[in-house]
Amino acid sequence: MIARYAVIVLTFLAFSPASAESLDAEAARHFVLGKLFAFTCFDGSRGAGRVYDDGSVLGVIQLHGLGPVRSASLPPGTLRVKGNTVCASHNSMPIEPCFDLTRTGDQSFRGSVLGLDTAYCDFIQRQSITPR
């Protein structure tokens, strides 16, 4: 269950290593807030979503790339700044994961669980909610 929430949170957060730029919390806020991003994750999950200024998230997700595409939302305050890092907090999560956000292009970024680079999602800015 914890992994499921971590994947959902990861999927709503900012390819070439030479152009990668680490995003601190303020840069991530500027780059991501209010914009629609499609995502694909290490485990095959995919979808699209938008992060709002109040730390809430609204979008769609297909877990592990199988089954139906479902609506997904996280309440206000779920995503928050802790120091210079973006973290997730929710009553149903016993831990508060924080994220390493790396800008990978003009309209793309990779988000991974801090200290766990193998658990990541790649995000690309889109104009419509349909995941690709």
N, C-alpha and C. Protein backbone atom coordinates (compact mmCIF):
# COMPACT_ATOMS: atom_id res chain seq x y z
N MET A 1 0.82 -1.18 0.00
CA MET A 1 0.00 0.00 0.00
C MET A 1 0.87 1.26 0.00
N ILE A 2 1.96 1.25 0.76
CA ILE A 2 2.87 2.39 0.81
C ILE A 2 3.45 2.63 -0.58
N ALA A 3 3.87 1.56 -1.25
CA ALA A 3 4.44 1.70 -2.59
C ALA A 3 3.42 2.30 -3.55
N ARG A 4 2.19 1.92 -3.41
CA ARG A 4 1.13 2.44 -4.29
C ARG A 4 0.99 3.95 -4.12
N TYR A 5 0.97 4.43 -2.87
CA TYR A 5 0.88 5.87 -2.63
C TYR A 5 2.13 6.59 -3.13
N ALA A 6 3.29 5.98 -2.93
CA ALA A 6 4.52 6.60 -3.41
C ALA A 6 4.50 6.75 -4.93
N VAL A 7 4.01 5.73 -5.63
CA VAL A 7 3.92 5.81 -7.10
C VAL A 7 2.93 6.90 -7.50
N ILE A 8 1.79 6.97 -6.83
CA ILE A 8 0.79 7.99 -7.17
C ILE A 8 1.37 9.38 -6.94
N VAL A 9 2.03 9.59 -5.80
CA VAL A 9 2.62 10.89 -5.51
C VAL A 9 3.71 11.21 -6.53
N LEU A 10 4.56 10.24 -6.81
CA LEU A 10 5.62 10.46 -7.80
C LEU A 10 5.06 10.85 -9.15
N THR A 11 3.94 10.24 -9.50
CA THR A 11 3.39 10.49 -10.82
C THR A 11 2.91 11.90 -11.02
N PHE A 12 2.68 12.67 -9.90
CA PHE A 12 2.18 14.03 -10.03
C PHE A 12 3.22 15.09 -9.73
N LEU A 13 4.31 14.87 -9.54
CA LEU A 13 5.34 15.86 -9.35
C LEU A 13 5.87 16.45 -10.71
N ALA A 14 8.51 18.10 -11.39
CA ALA A 14 9.25 18.40 -12.39
C ALA A 14 10.06 17.27 -12.66
N PHE A 15 16.79 14.00 -20.50
CA PHE A 15 16.88 12.59 -20.68
C PHE A 15 18.33 12.28 -21.00
N SER A 16 18.55 13.54 -21.22
CA SER A 16 19.99 13.46 -21.47
C SER A 16 20.72 13.95 -20.23
N PRO A 17 21.65 13.15 -19.67
CA PRO A 17 22.36 13.56 -18.47
C PRO A 17 23.12 14.88 -18.66
N ALA A 18 23.56 15.16 -19.84
CA ALA A 18 24.32 16.37 -20.09
C ALA A 18 23.46 17.61 -19.90
N SER A 19 22.15 17.52 -20.15
CA SER A 19 21.28 18.68 -20.03
C SER A 19 20.47 18.67 -18.73
N ALA A 20 20.70 17.71 -17.85
CA ALA A 20 19.94 17.60 -16.61
C ALA A 20 20.29 18.75 -15.66
N GLU A 21 19.25 19.26 -15.00
CA GLU A 21 19.42 20.37 -14.06
C GLU A 21 18.58 20.06 -12.83
N SER A 22 19.21 19.96 -11.68
CA SER A 22 18.50 19.68 -10.44
C SER A 22 17.56 20.84 -10.12
N LEU A 23 16.34 20.51 -9.68
CA LEU A 23 15.36 21.53 -9.32
C LEU A 23 15.18 21.57 -7.81
N ASP A 24 15.48 22.72 -7.20
CA ASP A 24 15.16 22.87 -5.79
C ASP A 24 13.66 23.15 -5.69
N ALA A 25 13.15 23.29 -4.48
CA ALA A 25 11.71 23.43 -4.28
C ALA A 25 11.15 24.65 -5.02
N GLU A 26 11.84 25.78 -4.98
CA GLU A 26 11.34 26.99 -5.64
C GLU A 26 11.35 26.84 -7.16
N ALA A 27 12.41 26.27 -7.71
CA ALA A 27 12.48 26.05 -9.17
C ALA A 27 11.41 25.05 -9.61
N ALA A 28 11.19 24.01 -8.81
CA ALA A 28 10.15 23.02 -9.13
C ALA A 28 8.78 23.68 -9.12
N ARG A 29 8.53 24.53 -8.14
CA ARG A 29 7.25 25.23 -8.04
C ARG A 29 7.00 26.03 -9.32
N HIS A 30 7.98 26.78 -9.75
CA HIS A 30 7.86 27.61 -10.94
C HIS A 30 7.67 26.76 -12.21
N PHE A 31 8.38 25.66 -12.28
CA PHE A 31 8.38 24.81 -13.48
C PHE A 31 7.12 23.95 -13.61
N VAL A 32 6.54 23.53 -12.48
CA VAL A 32 5.49 22.51 -12.49
C VAL A 32 4.08 23.05 -12.19
N LEU A 33 3.95 23.95 -11.22
CA LEU A 33 2.63 24.34 -10.73
C LEU A 33 1.67 24.80 -11.83
N GLY A 34 0.48 24.22 -11.80
CA GLY A 34 -0.59 24.61 -12.70
C GLY A 34 -0.48 24.06 -14.11
N LYS A 35 0.62 23.41 -14.44
CA LYS A 35 0.82 22.88 -15.79
C LYS A 35 0.44 21.40 -15.81
N LEU A 36 -0.01 20.95 -16.96
CA LEU A 36 -0.39 19.56 -17.14
C LEU A 36 0.82 18.76 -17.62
N PHE A 37 1.10 17.64 -16.95
CA PHE A 37 2.20 16.76 -17.34
C PHE A 37 1.71 15.34 -17.52
N ALA A 38 2.14 14.71 -18.61
CA ALA A 38 1.95 13.27 -18.79
C ALA A 38 3.16 12.61 -18.16
N PHE A 39 3.00 11.39 -17.66
CA PHE A 39 4.12 10.71 -17.03
C PHE A 39 4.14 9.23 -17.35
N THR A 40 5.35 8.68 -17.28
CA THR A 40 5.56 7.23 -17.32
C THR A 40 6.55 6.92 -16.21
N CYS A 41 6.31 5.80 -15.52
CA CYS A 41 7.13 5.46 -14.36
C CYS A 41 7.89 4.15 -14.57
N PHE A 42 8.86 3.94 -13.71
CA PHE A 42 9.72 2.76 -13.75
C PHE A 42 8.95 1.45 -13.73
N ASP A 43 7.78 1.42 -13.10
CA ASP A 43 7.01 0.18 -12.96
C ASP A 43 5.96 0.01 -14.05
N GLY A 44 5.96 0.92 -15.06
CA GLY A 44 4.99 0.85 -16.15
C GLY A 44 3.76 1.72 -15.93
N SER A 45 3.59 2.26 -14.72
CA SER A 45 2.46 3.15 -14.48
C SER A 45 2.58 4.38 -15.37
N ARG A 46 1.43 4.91 -15.76
CA ARG A 46 1.43 6.09 -16.61
C ARG A 46 0.15 6.87 -16.39
N GLY A 47 0.15 8.11 -16.87
CA GLY A 47 -1.04 8.93 -16.72
C GLY A 47 -0.73 10.38 -17.00
N ALA A 48 -1.50 11.26 -16.40
CA ALA A 48 -1.32 12.70 -16.56
C ALA A 48 -1.94 13.39 -15.36
N GLY A 49 -1.39 14.54 -15.01
CA GLY A 49 -1.93 15.26 -13.88
C GLY A 49 -1.40 16.67 -13.77
N ARG A 50 -2.01 17.39 -12.84
CA ARG A 50 -1.66 18.78 -12.60
C ARG A 50 -1.53 18.98 -11.09
N VAL A 51 -0.45 19.67 -10.67
CA VAL A 51 -0.23 20.01 -9.27
C VAL A 51 -0.68 21.45 -9.07
N TYR A 52 -1.45 21.68 -8.01
CA TYR A 52 -1.96 23.02 -7.72
C TYR A 52 -1.20 23.67 -6.57
N ASP A 53 -1.33 24.98 -6.46
CA ASP A 53 -0.58 25.77 -5.49
C ASP A 53 -0.84 25.36 -4.05
N ASP A 54 -1.99 24.76 -3.78
CA ASP A 54 -2.32 24.33 -2.41
C ASP A 54 -1.76 22.95 -2.07
N GLY A 55 -0.95 22.37 -2.98
CA GLY A 55 -0.37 21.05 -2.75
C GLY A 55 -1.28 19.90 -3.13
N SER A 56 -2.40 20.19 -3.75
CA SER A 56 -3.30 19.13 -4.22
C SER A 56 -2.91 18.71 -5.63
N VAL A 57 -3.43 17.57 -6.04
CA VAL A 57 -3.12 17.01 -7.35
C VAL A 57 -4.41 16.45 -7.94
N LEU A 58 -4.58 16.61 -9.25
CA LEU A 58 -5.74 16.05 -9.93
C LEU A 58 -5.29 15.50 -11.28
N GLY A 59 -5.70 14.27 -11.59
CA GLY A 59 -5.30 13.68 -12.86
C GLY A 59 -5.87 12.31 -13.08
N VAL A 60 -5.18 11.53 -13.90
CA VAL A 60 -5.55 10.16 -14.20
C VAL A 60 -4.31 9.28 -14.10
N ILE A 61 -4.52 7.99 -13.81
CA ILE A 61 -3.40 7.06 -13.70
C ILE A 61 -3.83 5.67 -14.16
N GLN A 62 -2.90 4.96 -14.76
CA GLN A 62 -3.07 3.55 -15.10
C GLN A 62 -1.92 2.84 -14.40
N LEU A 63 -2.22 2.14 -13.30
CA LEU A 63 -1.18 1.49 -12.50
C LEU A 63 -0.53 0.35 -13.27
N HIS A 64 0.77 0.31 -13.25
CA HIS A 64 1.58 -0.72 -13.90
C HIS A 64 1.32 -0.84 -15.41
N GLY A 65 0.65 0.15 -15.99
CA GLY A 65 0.37 0.13 -17.43
C GLY A 65 -0.69 -0.88 -17.82
N LEU A 66 -1.44 -1.39 -16.84
CA LEU A 66 -2.47 -2.40 -17.10
C LEU A 66 -3.80 -1.93 -16.55
N GLY A 67 -4.87 -2.44 -17.11
CA GLY A 67 -6.20 -2.15 -16.59
C GLY A 67 -6.69 -0.78 -16.99
N PRO A 68 -7.75 -0.35 -16.33
CA PRO A 68 -8.38 0.91 -16.72
C PRO A 68 -7.57 2.13 -16.28
N VAL A 69 -7.76 3.22 -17.01
CA VAL A 69 -7.23 4.51 -16.60
C VAL A 69 -8.23 5.08 -15.61
N ARG A 70 -7.74 5.46 -14.43
CA ARG A 70 -8.64 5.92 -13.36
C ARG A 70 -8.34 7.36 -12.97
N SER A 71 -9.37 8.02 -12.51
CA SER A 71 -9.18 9.35 -11.94
C SER A 71 -8.39 9.22 -10.65
N ALA A 72 -7.55 10.19 -10.38
CA ALA A 72 -6.76 10.20 -9.15
C ALA A 72 -6.68 11.62 -8.63
N SER A 73 -6.75 11.75 -7.32
CA SER A 73 -6.60 13.07 -6.72
C SER A 73 -5.95 12.93 -5.36
N LEU A 74 -5.22 13.95 -5.00
CA LEU A 74 -4.62 14.04 -3.68
C LEU A 74 -5.08 15.36 -3.07
N PRO A 75 -5.45 15.38 -1.79
CA PRO A 75 -6.03 16.58 -1.19
C PRO A 75 -5.01 17.71 -1.00
N PRO A 76 -5.51 18.92 -0.76
CA PRO A 76 -4.61 20.05 -0.47
C PRO A 76 -3.65 19.70 0.66
N GLY A 77 -2.43 20.16 0.53
CA GLY A 77 -1.40 19.92 1.55
C GLY A 77 -0.63 18.63 1.37
N THR A 78 -0.99 17.81 0.39
CA THR A 78 -0.27 16.55 0.19
C THR A 78 1.18 16.81 -0.21
N LEU A 79 1.38 17.65 -1.21
CA LEU A 79 2.74 18.01 -1.61
C LEU A 79 3.11 19.30 -0.89
N ARG A 80 4.29 19.29 -0.25
CA ARG A 80 4.73 20.47 0.48
C ARG A 80 6.23 20.59 0.46
N VAL A 81 6.67 21.79 0.69
CA VAL A 81 8.11 22.06 0.73
C VAL A 81 8.61 21.79 2.13
N LYS A 82 9.69 21.03 2.21
CA LYS A 82 10.35 20.73 3.49
C LYS A 82 11.81 21.09 3.29
N GLY A 83 12.22 22.21 3.84
CA GLY A 83 13.57 22.71 3.57
C GLY A 83 13.65 23.17 2.13
N ASN A 84 14.50 22.54 1.36
CA ASN A 84 14.63 22.88 -0.06
C ASN A 84 14.17 21.73 -0.94
N THR A 85 13.32 20.86 -0.39
CA THR A 85 12.89 19.65 -1.07
C THR A 85 11.36 19.58 -1.11
N VAL A 86 10.81 18.94 -2.13
CA VAL A 86 9.38 18.69 -2.21
C VAL A 86 9.11 17.31 -1.60
N CYS A 87 8.17 17.25 -0.67
CA CYS A 87 7.83 16.00 0.00
C CYS A 87 6.33 15.77 -0.07
N ALA A 88 5.91 14.56 0.25
CA ALA A 88 4.50 14.20 0.25
C ALA A 88 4.08 13.79 1.65
N SER A 89 2.91 14.23 2.05
CA SER A 89 2.39 13.89 3.36
C SER A 89 0.90 13.61 3.22
N HIS A 90 0.48 12.48 3.76
CA HIS A 90 -0.92 12.10 3.71
C HIS A 90 -1.21 11.24 4.93
N ASN A 91 -2.40 11.37 5.50
CA ASN A 91 -2.76 10.62 6.70
C ASN A 91 -2.59 9.12 6.54
N SER A 92 -2.80 8.59 5.34
CA SER A 92 -2.74 7.15 5.14
C SER A 92 -1.32 6.65 4.86
N MET A 93 -0.34 7.56 4.83
CA MET A 93 1.05 7.17 4.56
C MET A 93 1.86 7.25 5.85
N PRO A 94 2.47 6.13 6.27
CA PRO A 94 3.24 6.16 7.52
C PRO A 94 4.58 6.89 7.38
N ILE A 95 5.01 7.16 6.16
CA ILE A 95 6.27 7.88 5.94
C ILE A 95 5.98 9.12 5.10
N GLU A 96 6.94 10.05 5.10
CA GLU A 96 6.82 11.25 4.30
C GLU A 96 7.94 11.25 3.26
N PRO A 97 7.69 10.64 2.08
CA PRO A 97 8.76 10.58 1.08
C PRO A 97 9.05 11.98 0.51
N CYS A 98 10.33 12.22 0.25
CA CYS A 98 10.76 13.45 -0.42
C CYS A 98 11.32 13.05 -1.78
N PHE A 99 11.44 14.03 -2.68
CA PHE A 99 11.74 13.72 -4.07
C PHE A 99 12.93 14.50 -4.60
N ASP A 100 13.68 13.84 -5.45
CA ASP A 100 14.75 14.45 -6.22
C ASP A 100 14.13 14.79 -7.57
N LEU A 101 14.10 16.07 -7.92
CA LEU A 101 13.49 16.51 -9.17
C LEU A 101 14.59 17.05 -10.08
N THR A 102 14.64 16.53 -11.30
CA THR A 102 15.68 16.93 -12.25
C THR A 102 15.05 17.34 -13.56
N ARG A 103 15.29 18.57 -13.95
CA ARG A 103 14.79 19.06 -15.24
C ARG A 103 15.60 18.39 -16.33
N THR A 104 14.89 17.80 -17.30
CA THR A 104 15.57 17.05 -18.36
C THR A 104 15.40 17.68 -19.73
N GLY A 105 14.60 18.74 -19.82
CA GLY A 105 14.37 19.43 -21.08
C GLY A 105 13.55 20.67 -20.83
N ASP A 106 13.21 21.39 -21.90
CA ASP A 106 12.43 22.61 -21.77
C ASP A 106 11.06 22.37 -21.16
N GLN A 107 10.50 21.18 -21.41
CA GLN A 107 9.16 20.86 -20.90
C GLN A 107 9.12 19.49 -20.24
N SER A 108 10.23 19.06 -19.65
CA SER A 108 10.25 17.72 -19.05
C SER A 108 11.12 17.69 -17.80
N PHE A 109 10.79 16.74 -16.92
CA PHE A 109 11.60 16.50 -15.72
C PHE A 109 11.44 15.06 -15.28
N ARG A 110 12.36 14.63 -14.41
CA ARG A 110 12.30 13.31 -13.80
C ARG A 110 12.17 13.51 -12.31
N GLY A 111 11.26 12.78 -11.70
CA GLY A 111 11.10 12.79 -10.25
C GLY A 111 11.39 11.41 -9.72
N SER A 112 12.22 11.35 -8.68
CA SER A 112 12.52 10.06 -8.05
C SER A 112 12.45 10.23 -6.54
N VAL A 113 12.21 9.12 -5.85
CA VAL A 113 12.22 9.14 -4.40
C VAL A 113 13.65 9.43 -3.97
N LEU A 114 13.83 10.42 -3.10
CA LEU A 114 15.15 10.83 -2.65
C LEU A 114 15.91 9.63 -2.08
N GLY A 115 17.08 9.39 -2.65
CA GLY A 115 17.91 8.28 -2.22
C GLY A 115 17.58 6.96 -2.88
N LEU A 116 16.61 6.95 -3.77
CA LEU A 116 16.19 5.72 -4.44
C LEU A 116 15.98 6.03 -5.92
N ASP A 117 17.08 6.23 -6.64
CA ASP A 117 17.02 6.65 -8.05
C ASP A 117 16.30 5.67 -8.95
N THR A 118 16.14 4.42 -8.54
CA THR A 118 15.47 3.43 -9.39
C THR A 118 13.95 3.56 -9.34
N ALA A 119 13.41 4.32 -8.38
CA ALA A 119 11.97 4.57 -8.29
C ALA A 119 11.71 5.97 -8.83
N TYR A 120 11.39 6.05 -10.12
CA TYR A 120 11.26 7.35 -10.77
C TYR A 120 10.09 7.39 -11.74
N CYS A 121 9.71 8.62 -12.09
CA CYS A 121 8.75 8.86 -13.16
C CYS A 121 9.31 9.98 -14.04
N ASP A 122 9.10 9.87 -15.34
CA ASP A 122 9.47 10.91 -16.29
C ASP A 122 8.21 11.67 -16.66
N PHE A 123 8.28 13.00 -16.64
CA PHE A 123 7.15 13.88 -16.87
C PHE A 123 7.41 14.74 -18.10
N ILE A 124 6.40 14.89 -18.95
CA ILE A 124 6.49 15.75 -20.13
C ILE A 124 5.24 16.62 -20.17
N GLN A 125 5.42 17.92 -20.31
CA GLN A 125 4.29 18.84 -20.35
C GLN A 125 3.42 18.56 -21.56
N ARG A 126 2.10 18.56 -21.35
CA ARG A 126 1.10 18.30 -22.39
C ARG A 126 0.02 19.36 -22.38
N GLN A 127 -0.82 19.32 -23.42
CA GLN A 127 -1.95 20.24 -23.52
C GLN A 127 -3.27 19.56 -23.17
N SER A 128 -3.32 18.20 -23.24
CA SER A 128 -4.55 17.49 -22.92
C SER A 128 -4.25 16.39 -21.91
N ILE A 129 -5.26 15.90 -21.23
CA ILE A 129 -5.11 14.93 -20.15
C ILE A 129 -4.88 13.50 -20.64
N THR A 130 -5.06 13.22 -21.92
CA THR A 130 -4.91 11.86 -22.42
C THR A 130 -3.46 11.41 -22.33
N PRO A 131 -3.16 10.34 -21.54
CA PRO A 131 -1.78 9.83 -21.44
C PRO A 131 -1.36 9.19 -22.76
N ARG A 132 -0.08 9.30 -23.05
CA ARG A 132 0.45 8.70 -24.29
C ARG A 132 1.31 7.53 -24.00
